[in-house]
Each structure stands twice: as C-alpha cells, then as structure tokens.
Amino acid sequence: MSGQKATGPRMRITLNVNGQNHDIQLDPRTTLLDALREHLSLTGTKMGCNHGTCGACTVHVDGRRQLSCLMLAAAAAGSEITTIEGLQGANGAPHPMQAAFVAHDALQCGYCTPGQIMSAIACIEEGHAGSDDEIREYMSGNLCRCAAYPNIVAAIRDVADTTMAEAA
C-alpha cells in the first residue's frame, strides 16, 4: 500500500557495503536490493525486472557477482558487498571499467550500466574474457534495451587486454 509504513517483525543486521558497516533494522523479507536502495540510499544499483533475469541489480558479494533482487539482505550480513558506488579509486577516479564504458560509448541510456559494469568486472576476474564470444556468453545475464552490446564487449575487451598486458 503506497504511502503506508510497513509494520510487522523487524530485525537488526549489519551490512558491510563498500568497506563501511551499516547497522540497519528491516523486515526480514527485505531483499539486498531494497536494503541498498531504500535503507542505505545507495541508488546506483537499479531494479530492472525484479526477477533476476535482467542483471540491472548486479552487485558483488564477497567478490562474486550477485543479483541483489534475488538475495535477502539478512543472507548478506557478514559478507563484503560492493556496489557501483564502491568502485571509484583514489581521489574519486573512475574504475578502469567505468572509464572504458565511457570511452567505448557503452553507456547508452545508462539504466543497465551499473549492473553491466559490475558483471563486466566479475567476467574478467573470473577469467571469462578470453574472447569476444566468451565475454558475450558470460555477460548474457545482463540485458541492455538500447542494444549497446558491441560497445560493452569492446569496453570489456579493452580492460581485459590492459589487465593481461600489465600482468605479463
């Protein structure tokens, strides 16, 4: 019911988000997505389909990509959660993947961008950026209604190539 405050059982949990602990009290049925957006005001993570099929809500939990609309916030207590807001480097510099998305015009309308970037980082860290086909396969859980897929693959390829060159 719009405009009415939810009542019912509440629980207190601590979420570690972007390196900071947040003690919050919420309904035990609250998803991680809603906890981030509505309780912590971290609105960079977007709600797309709310069924885990579009990837817009992707965050990292203990370094692994997670669809935050499908995870209860209570299940994330004790884990390290990283959102798009937590990616910036020293002095506010964008993460290399964020810079690559800008450089390759992979943003389009931007709604899916946070989830795409979080998945793109995971794609490389998981070792699934060896080819454009592999990138497309491991990014297939993230949908872009603007069809920026070629630009997104180019951005991921750019960061993957740079990462591999630096490691060599």
Protein backbone atom coordinates (compact mmCIF):
# COMPACT_ATOMS: atom_id res chain seq x y z
CA MET A 1 0.00 0.00 0.00
CA SER A 2 1.55 3.20 -1.14
CA GLY A 3 2.14 5.83 1.49
CA GLN A 4 1.70 3.46 4.43
CA LYS A 5 4.64 2.43 6.52
CA ALA A 6 5.22 -1.32 6.67
CA THR A 7 4.57 -2.92 10.01
CA GLY A 8 5.50 -6.33 11.28
CA PRO A 9 8.56 -8.09 12.58
CA ARG A 10 11.85 -6.27 12.19
CA MET A 11 15.40 -7.46 12.57
CA ARG A 12 18.69 -5.67 13.07
CA ILE A 13 21.56 -6.64 10.80
CA THR A 14 24.93 -5.22 9.89
CA LEU A 15 25.81 -4.94 6.22
CA ASN A 16 29.36 -4.19 5.11
CA VAL A 17 28.89 -2.15 1.95
CA ASN A 18 31.77 -0.57 0.08
CA GLY A 19 34.01 -1.05 3.10
CA GLN A 20 31.68 0.50 5.68
CA ASN A 21 29.48 -1.25 8.22
CA HIS A 22 25.84 -0.19 8.33
CA ASP A 23 23.58 -1.29 11.19
CA ILE A 24 20.03 -1.32 9.90
CA GLN A 25 16.69 -2.56 11.11
CA LEU A 26 14.45 -4.05 8.48
CA ASP A 27 11.73 -6.53 7.64
CA PRO A 28 13.36 -10.00 7.37
CA ARG A 29 11.86 -10.32 3.85
CA THR A 30 13.81 -7.30 2.56
CA THR A 31 15.96 -8.05 -0.46
CA LEU A 32 19.55 -6.89 -0.64
CA LEU A 33 18.50 -4.58 -3.49
CA ASP A 34 15.85 -2.87 -1.36
CA ALA A 35 18.20 -2.64 1.63
CA LEU A 36 20.81 -0.90 -0.53
CA ARG A 37 18.41 1.48 -2.23
CA GLU A 38 15.80 2.19 0.44
CA HIS A 39 17.70 1.81 3.71
CA LEU A 40 21.21 2.92 2.70
CA SER A 41 20.28 5.34 -0.11
CA LEU A 42 22.73 3.69 -2.49
CA THR A 43 20.63 4.15 -5.61
CA GLY A 44 23.30 3.27 -8.16
CA THR A 45 22.13 -0.34 -8.16
CA LYS A 46 18.99 -0.45 -10.28
CA MET A 47 15.87 -2.57 -10.08
CA GLY A 48 15.03 -3.82 -13.54
CA CYS A 49 12.86 -6.92 -13.76
CA ASN A 50 12.90 -7.82 -10.04
CA HIS A 51 13.01 -11.49 -11.10
CA GLY A 52 16.74 -11.98 -11.67
CA THR A 53 16.56 -12.07 -15.43
CA CYS A 54 17.93 -8.66 -16.49
CA GLY A 55 21.05 -8.18 -14.36
CA ALA A 56 20.44 -4.50 -13.63
CA CYS A 57 20.74 -5.15 -9.89
CA THR A 58 24.12 -6.92 -10.03
CA VAL A 59 26.47 -6.23 -7.12
CA HIS A 60 29.47 -8.12 -5.78
CA VAL A 61 29.10 -10.17 -2.60
CA ASP A 62 32.43 -11.47 -1.31
CA GLY A 63 33.89 -10.74 -4.73
CA ARG A 64 31.30 -12.70 -6.70
CA ARG A 65 28.53 -11.21 -8.80
CA GLN A 66 25.11 -11.49 -7.23
CA LEU A 67 21.64 -10.46 -8.38
CA SER A 68 20.64 -8.34 -5.41
CA CYS A 69 16.91 -8.64 -6.16
CA LEU A 70 17.13 -12.38 -5.50
CA MET A 71 19.12 -12.24 -2.25
CA LEU A 72 17.71 -11.42 1.15
CA ALA A 73 19.63 -8.70 2.92
CA ALA A 74 19.89 -10.91 6.00
CA ALA A 75 21.75 -13.51 3.92
CA ALA A 76 24.35 -10.89 3.03
CA ALA A 77 25.12 -9.99 6.66
CA GLY A 78 28.76 -10.81 7.37
CA SER A 79 29.74 -10.54 3.71
CA GLU A 80 31.58 -7.78 1.88
CA ILE A 81 29.20 -6.10 -0.54
CA THR A 82 30.43 -3.86 -3.32
CA THR A 83 28.07 -1.64 -5.30
CA ILE A 84 28.75 0.63 -8.25
CA GLU A 85 29.31 3.46 -5.74
CA GLY A 86 32.19 1.49 -4.23
CA LEU A 87 34.21 1.19 -7.43
CA GLN A 88 35.84 4.59 -7.60
CA GLY A 89 39.51 4.71 -6.92
CA ALA A 90 41.69 7.13 -5.03
CA ASN A 91 40.72 10.77 -5.42
CA GLY A 92 37.38 9.76 -6.95
CA ALA A 93 38.93 8.42 -10.13
CA PRO A 94 36.61 6.07 -12.01
CA HIS A 95 37.31 2.36 -12.05
CA PRO A 96 39.05 1.32 -15.31
CA MET A 97 35.85 -0.46 -16.38
CA GLN A 98 33.80 2.70 -15.83
CA ALA A 99 36.34 4.67 -17.91
CA ALA A 100 36.24 2.02 -20.65
CA PHE A 101 32.43 2.16 -20.80
CA VAL A 102 32.68 5.92 -21.34
CA ALA A 103 35.48 5.58 -23.90
CA HIS A 104 33.57 2.96 -25.92
CA ASP A 105 30.15 4.65 -25.64
CA ALA A 106 28.82 1.57 -23.86
CA LEU A 107 26.51 3.59 -21.62
CA GLN A 108 23.55 4.26 -23.97
CA CYS A 109 20.58 5.19 -21.72
CA GLY A 110 22.62 4.16 -18.68
CA TYR A 111 19.93 2.31 -16.77
CA CYS A 112 21.58 -1.10 -17.09
CA THR A 113 25.09 0.33 -16.86
CA PRO A 114 25.78 -0.26 -13.14
CA GLY A 115 24.83 -3.94 -13.43
CA GLN A 116 26.73 -4.27 -16.69
CA ILE A 117 29.87 -2.79 -15.14
CA MET A 118 29.66 -4.97 -12.04
CA SER A 119 29.24 -8.08 -14.23
CA ALA A 120 31.99 -6.94 -16.59
CA ILE A 121 34.47 -6.67 -13.73
CA ALA A 122 33.43 -10.12 -12.50
CA CYS A 123 33.72 -11.51 -16.02
CA ILE A 124 37.38 -10.53 -16.15
CA GLU A 125 38.13 -11.56 -12.56
CA GLU A 126 36.50 -14.96 -13.18
CA GLY A 127 38.77 -15.45 -16.20
CA HIS A 128 35.98 -15.35 -18.77
CA ALA A 129 37.24 -12.58 -21.04
CA GLY A 130 39.47 -14.63 -23.33
CA SER A 131 37.50 -13.85 -26.47
CA ASP A 132 34.56 -11.72 -27.58
CA ASP A 133 32.39 -14.86 -27.73
CA GLU A 134 33.34 -15.78 -24.18
CA ILE A 135 32.61 -12.24 -22.99
CA ARG A 136 29.20 -12.34 -24.69
CA GLU A 137 28.44 -15.71 -23.05
CA TYR A 138 29.39 -14.59 -19.55
CA MET A 139 27.60 -11.25 -19.93
CA SER A 140 24.44 -12.86 -21.30
CA GLY A 141 22.65 -12.48 -17.96
CA ASN A 142 22.72 -8.70 -18.33
CA LEU A 143 20.25 -7.16 -20.73
CA CYS A 144 20.60 -3.81 -22.50
CA ARG A 145 17.43 -2.49 -24.08
CA CYS A 146 19.50 0.03 -26.07
CA ALA A 147 21.48 -2.83 -27.68
CA ALA A 148 24.87 -1.43 -26.75
CA TYR A 149 26.26 -4.94 -26.70
CA PRO A 150 29.10 -4.39 -29.24
CA ASN A 151 30.28 -1.35 -27.27
CA ILE A 152 30.03 -3.21 -23.96
CA VAL A 153 32.11 -6.09 -25.35
CA ALA A 154 34.67 -3.59 -26.68
CA ALA A 155 34.92 -1.94 -23.25
CA ILE A 156 35.43 -5.29 -21.52
CA ARG A 157 37.95 -6.37 -24.17
CA ASP A 158 39.86 -3.11 -23.63
CA VAL A 159 40.11 -3.58 -19.85
CA ALA A 160 40.86 -7.32 -20.18
CA ASP A 161 43.66 -6.66 -22.68
CA THR A 162 45.13 -3.93 -20.46
CA THR A 163 44.90 -6.17 -17.38
CA MET A 164 46.60 -9.06 -19.19
CA ALA A 165 49.32 -6.76 -20.57
CA GLU A 166 50.04 -5.42 -17.09
CA ALA A 167 50.19 -8.94 -15.66
CA ALA A 168 52.71 -10.10 -18.28
